[in-house]
Amino acid sequence: MANKDLVNRLTFKGTTTIGVVCKDGVILASDTRVTMGFYVAHKHGKKIYKIDDHLGMTIAGSVADAQRTVDILTANAQLYKINIGRPLPVNSAARLVANLLFSSRYVPLLTQVLIGGVDDTGPHVFALDPFGSLTEEKCVATGSGSPIAYGVLEDKYKENISVNELLPTIVKAITSAMKRDAASGDSFNVAIIDGKGYRELSEEEKKQVLA
């Protein structure tokens, strides 16, 4: 119980990240503000990472713990591709991270992550907590801004619509959280993973969606 209280105190005081499944891909989004309590440590922190051409990951919580998790998953995804000759399935990537977090549960890696991607079975998004609990989601948000983001997502999200149709809703959800949650803000990033691979929206594309 003490460990759970520690995780709750340290992991979820900042950040908003979002992951959604569309009929033709996955959208991952995050704000860019990095905080230490009430101190803004960085205004343009990276919270979405490319793991492979078909796979991405968002992070929240302790930066060091989160980046270590990203590095381990990236290395294993590349090793799997070299050894097996095909990309790492999305559910296997999520299970690998779940095992990593569970094995460290007595000294937890203080990070909450979303893993999203597209493989032979279609688009998937998985959510993981610091103890390795794993759930597959169609629409999920994490971090201190998530209640605000969910207010938009649960009203507007619909299954079986395209990435282009859903993109304005995701941008509205992340910007709404930035406006109302003090630990989220400054800017946002959006990554799209579909049959063409992984790409992040440019500044010009983000401005067009906001307009």
Protein backbone atom coordinates (compact mmCIF):
# COMPACT_ATOMS: atom_id res chain seq x y z
CA MET A 1 0.00 0.00 0.00
CA ALA A 2 2.86 2.37 0.77
CA ASN A 3 4.25 1.84 -2.71
CA LYS A 4 0.86 2.58 -4.28
CA ASP A 5 0.58 5.81 -2.30
CA LEU A 6 4.07 6.80 -3.46
CA VAL A 7 3.16 6.12 -7.08
CA ASN A 8 -0.06 8.11 -6.82
CA ARG A 9 1.78 11.07 -5.30
CA LEU A 10 4.67 11.12 -7.77
CA THR A 11 3.35 9.85 -11.08
CA PHE A 12 0.17 11.69 -11.90
CA LYS A 13 0.75 15.34 -10.91
CA GLY A 14 1.50 16.51 -14.43
CA THR A 15 1.05 15.83 -18.13
CA THR A 16 -1.84 14.99 -20.42
CA THR A 17 -1.45 12.15 -22.90
CA ILE A 18 -4.09 10.65 -25.18
CA GLY A 19 -4.30 7.50 -27.29
CA VAL A 20 -7.19 6.57 -29.60
CA VAL A 21 -7.91 3.82 -32.11
CA CYS A 22 -9.35 4.79 -35.50
CA LYS A 23 -10.50 2.51 -38.30
CA ASP A 24 -7.32 3.19 -40.28
CA GLY A 25 -4.74 3.85 -37.56
CA VAL A 26 -3.86 5.24 -34.16
CA ILE A 27 -3.48 8.79 -32.85
CA LEU A 28 -1.20 9.63 -29.90
CA ALA A 29 -1.13 13.13 -28.40
CA SER A 30 0.48 14.93 -25.47
CA ASP A 31 1.20 18.36 -24.08
CA THR A 32 4.85 19.47 -23.74
CA ARG A 33 5.07 21.02 -20.25
CA VAL A 34 7.47 19.29 -17.85
CA THR A 35 6.87 20.11 -14.17
CA MET A 36 8.46 19.47 -10.78
CA GLY A 37 5.69 20.31 -8.34
CA PHE A 38 4.76 23.91 -9.07
CA TYR A 39 7.97 24.53 -11.02
CA VAL A 40 7.90 24.39 -14.83
CA ALA A 41 11.17 22.62 -15.61
CA HIS A 42 10.79 22.62 -19.39
CA LYS A 43 8.23 24.04 -21.82
CA HIS A 44 8.86 21.74 -24.76
CA GLY A 45 9.48 18.29 -23.34
CA LYS A 46 9.09 15.23 -25.56
CA LYS A 47 6.38 12.84 -24.37
CA ILE A 48 5.69 10.88 -27.56
CA TYR A 49 8.36 8.51 -28.87
CA LYS A 50 8.71 6.53 -32.07
CA ILE A 51 9.55 2.92 -31.19
CA ASP A 52 9.42 1.58 -34.76
CA ASP A 53 7.77 2.52 -38.04
CA HIS A 54 4.50 0.93 -36.85
CA LEU A 55 4.76 1.60 -33.12
CA GLY A 56 4.76 4.60 -30.76
CA MET A 57 4.59 5.32 -27.05
CA THR A 58 3.57 8.17 -24.75
CA ILE A 59 5.05 8.77 -21.31
CA ALA A 60 3.93 10.38 -18.06
CA GLY A 61 5.56 10.46 -14.63
CA SER A 62 9.25 10.42 -13.75
CA VAL A 63 11.24 11.39 -16.84
CA ALA A 64 14.20 9.12 -16.06
CA ASP A 65 12.02 6.06 -15.43
CA ALA A 66 9.94 6.76 -18.53
CA GLN A 67 12.96 7.24 -20.79
CA ARG A 68 14.51 4.00 -19.52
CA THR A 69 11.28 2.20 -20.42
CA VAL A 70 11.33 3.77 -23.90
CA ASP A 71 14.96 2.72 -24.44
CA ILE A 72 14.31 -0.88 -23.39
CA LEU A 73 11.25 -1.22 -25.63
CA THR A 74 13.01 0.40 -28.61
CA ALA A 75 16.02 -1.93 -28.30
CA ASN A 76 13.83 -5.01 -28.02
CA ALA A 77 11.66 -3.97 -30.97
CA GLN A 78 14.76 -3.65 -33.14
CA LEU A 79 16.19 -6.98 -31.91
CA TYR A 80 12.88 -8.71 -32.62
CA LYS A 81 12.85 -7.35 -36.19
CA ILE A 82 16.44 -8.50 -36.77
CA ASN A 83 15.96 -11.97 -35.27
CA ILE A 84 12.44 -12.79 -36.45
CA GLY A 85 12.35 -10.80 -39.66
CA ARG A 86 9.10 -8.95 -39.02
CA PRO A 87 7.94 -6.06 -36.81
CA LEU A 88 7.17 -6.61 -33.15
CA PRO A 89 3.37 -7.03 -32.69
CA VAL A 90 1.74 -4.23 -30.71
CA ASN A 91 0.36 -6.54 -28.02
CA SER A 92 3.82 -8.13 -27.60
CA ALA A 93 5.36 -4.67 -27.11
CA ALA A 94 2.76 -3.88 -24.47
CA ARG A 95 3.30 -7.22 -22.70
CA LEU A 96 7.07 -6.69 -22.68
CA VAL A 97 6.66 -3.30 -20.95
CA ALA A 98 4.08 -4.80 -18.55
CA ASN A 99 6.59 -7.49 -17.54
CA LEU A 100 9.31 -4.85 -17.09
CA LEU A 101 7.10 -2.72 -14.83
CA PHE A 102 5.80 -5.71 -12.87
CA SER A 103 9.31 -7.03 -12.24
CA SER A 104 10.20 -3.63 -10.71
CA ARG A 105 7.05 -3.38 -8.59
CA TYR A 106 8.86 -3.31 -5.23
CA VAL A 107 10.90 -0.31 -6.39
CA PRO A 108 8.47 0.93 -9.06
CA LEU A 109 9.38 2.69 -12.26
CA LEU A 110 7.24 5.78 -11.73
CA THR A 111 5.76 6.00 -15.19
CA GLN A 112 2.41 5.52 -16.85
CA VAL A 113 2.58 4.81 -20.57
CA LEU A 114 0.39 4.34 -23.61
CA ILE A 115 1.58 2.05 -26.39
CA GLY A 116 -0.10 2.36 -29.76
CA GLY A 117 0.50 1.01 -33.21
CA VAL A 118 -0.70 -0.91 -36.24
CA ASP A 119 0.18 -4.51 -37.09
CA ASP A 120 -1.31 -7.43 -39.03
CA THR A 121 -4.26 -7.56 -36.63
CA GLY A 122 -5.11 -3.86 -37.01
CA PRO A 123 -4.68 -0.73 -34.87
CA HIS A 124 -4.28 -1.09 -31.08
CA VAL A 125 -3.72 1.10 -28.01
CA PHE A 126 -2.64 -0.30 -24.63
CA ALA A 127 -2.48 1.51 -21.28
CA LEU A 128 -0.04 0.50 -18.52
CA ASP A 129 0.33 1.68 -14.94
CA PRO A 130 3.59 1.66 -12.90
CA PHE A 131 2.90 -1.86 -11.56
CA GLY A 132 2.46 -3.42 -15.01
CA SER A 133 -1.33 -3.57 -15.15
CA LEU A 134 -2.23 -3.81 -18.84
CA THR A 135 -5.51 -2.93 -20.56
CA GLU A 136 -6.36 -2.54 -24.23
CA GLU A 137 -8.34 0.63 -24.89
CA LYS A 138 -10.15 2.29 -27.78
CA CYS A 139 -9.88 5.76 -26.25
CA VAL A 140 -7.73 6.61 -23.22
CA ALA A 141 -6.09 9.58 -21.50
CA THR A 142 -3.50 9.70 -18.70
CA GLY A 143 -1.99 12.30 -16.41
CA SER A 144 -3.35 15.16 -14.34
CA GLY A 145 -5.17 16.68 -17.33
CA SER A 146 -6.96 13.44 -18.22
CA PRO A 147 -10.31 14.28 -16.52
CA ILE A 148 -10.59 17.37 -18.74
CA ALA A 149 -9.50 15.47 -21.84
CA TYR A 150 -12.05 12.74 -21.12
CA GLY A 151 -14.77 15.39 -21.01
CA VAL A 152 -14.13 16.05 -24.70
CA LEU A 153 -13.29 12.50 -25.73
CA GLU A 154 -16.33 10.82 -24.21
CA ASP A 155 -18.58 13.37 -25.88
CA LYS A 156 -16.99 13.30 -29.34
CA TYR A 157 -15.17 9.97 -29.80
CA LYS A 158 -16.77 7.40 -32.05
CA GLU A 159 -15.39 4.06 -33.17
CA ASN A 160 -14.82 3.20 -36.82
CA ILE A 161 -14.04 6.69 -38.05
CA SER A 162 -10.88 7.73 -39.83
CA VAL A 163 -7.77 9.41 -38.47
CA ASN A 164 -8.54 12.60 -40.41
CA GLU A 165 -12.09 12.76 -39.04
CA LEU A 166 -10.99 12.21 -35.44
CA LEU A 167 -7.90 14.43 -35.46
CA PRO A 168 -9.73 17.72 -34.61
CA THR A 169 -11.36 16.03 -31.58
CA ILE A 170 -7.98 14.86 -30.26
CA VAL A 171 -6.48 18.32 -30.68
CA LYS A 172 -9.49 19.85 -28.92
CA ALA A 173 -9.13 17.37 -26.04
CA ILE A 174 -5.43 18.06 -25.53
CA THR A 175 -5.78 21.85 -25.82
CA SER A 176 -8.73 21.84 -23.41
CA ALA A 177 -6.59 20.03 -20.83
CA MET A 178 -3.79 22.55 -21.39
CA LYS A 179 -6.17 25.42 -20.67
CA ARG A 180 -7.61 23.98 -17.45
CA ASP A 181 -4.80 21.89 -15.91
CA ALA A 182 -1.87 23.93 -14.57
CA ALA A 183 0.57 21.02 -14.96
CA SER A 184 -0.21 20.65 -18.69
CA GLY A 185 0.46 23.33 -21.25
CA ASP A 186 2.79 25.40 -23.46
CA SER A 187 2.38 23.31 -26.62
CA PHE A 188 1.30 19.89 -27.85
CA ASN A 189 2.49 17.08 -30.11
CA VAL A 190 0.46 14.63 -32.15
CA ALA A 191 1.65 11.39 -33.76
CA ILE A 192 -0.29 9.36 -36.32
CA ILE A 193 0.47 5.70 -36.96
CA ASP A 194 -1.25 4.07 -39.93
CA GLY A 195 -0.49 1.90 -42.94
CA LYS A 196 2.05 4.47 -44.13
CA GLY A 197 4.02 4.31 -40.87
CA TYR A 198 4.72 6.68 -37.98
CA ARG A 199 4.71 10.46 -38.39
CA GLU A 200 4.34 13.50 -36.15
CA LEU A 201 2.36 16.56 -37.19
CA SER A 202 4.44 19.56 -38.17
CA GLU A 203 3.89 22.97 -36.60
CA GLU A 204 2.05 24.08 -39.75
CA GLU A 205 -0.24 21.05 -39.65
CA LYS A 206 -1.05 21.68 -35.98
CA LYS A 207 -1.93 25.28 -36.78
CA GLN A 208 -4.24 24.14 -39.57
CA VAL A 209 -6.09 21.74 -37.26
CA LEU A 210 -6.45 24.45 -34.60
CA ALA A 211 -7.81 26.85 -37.20
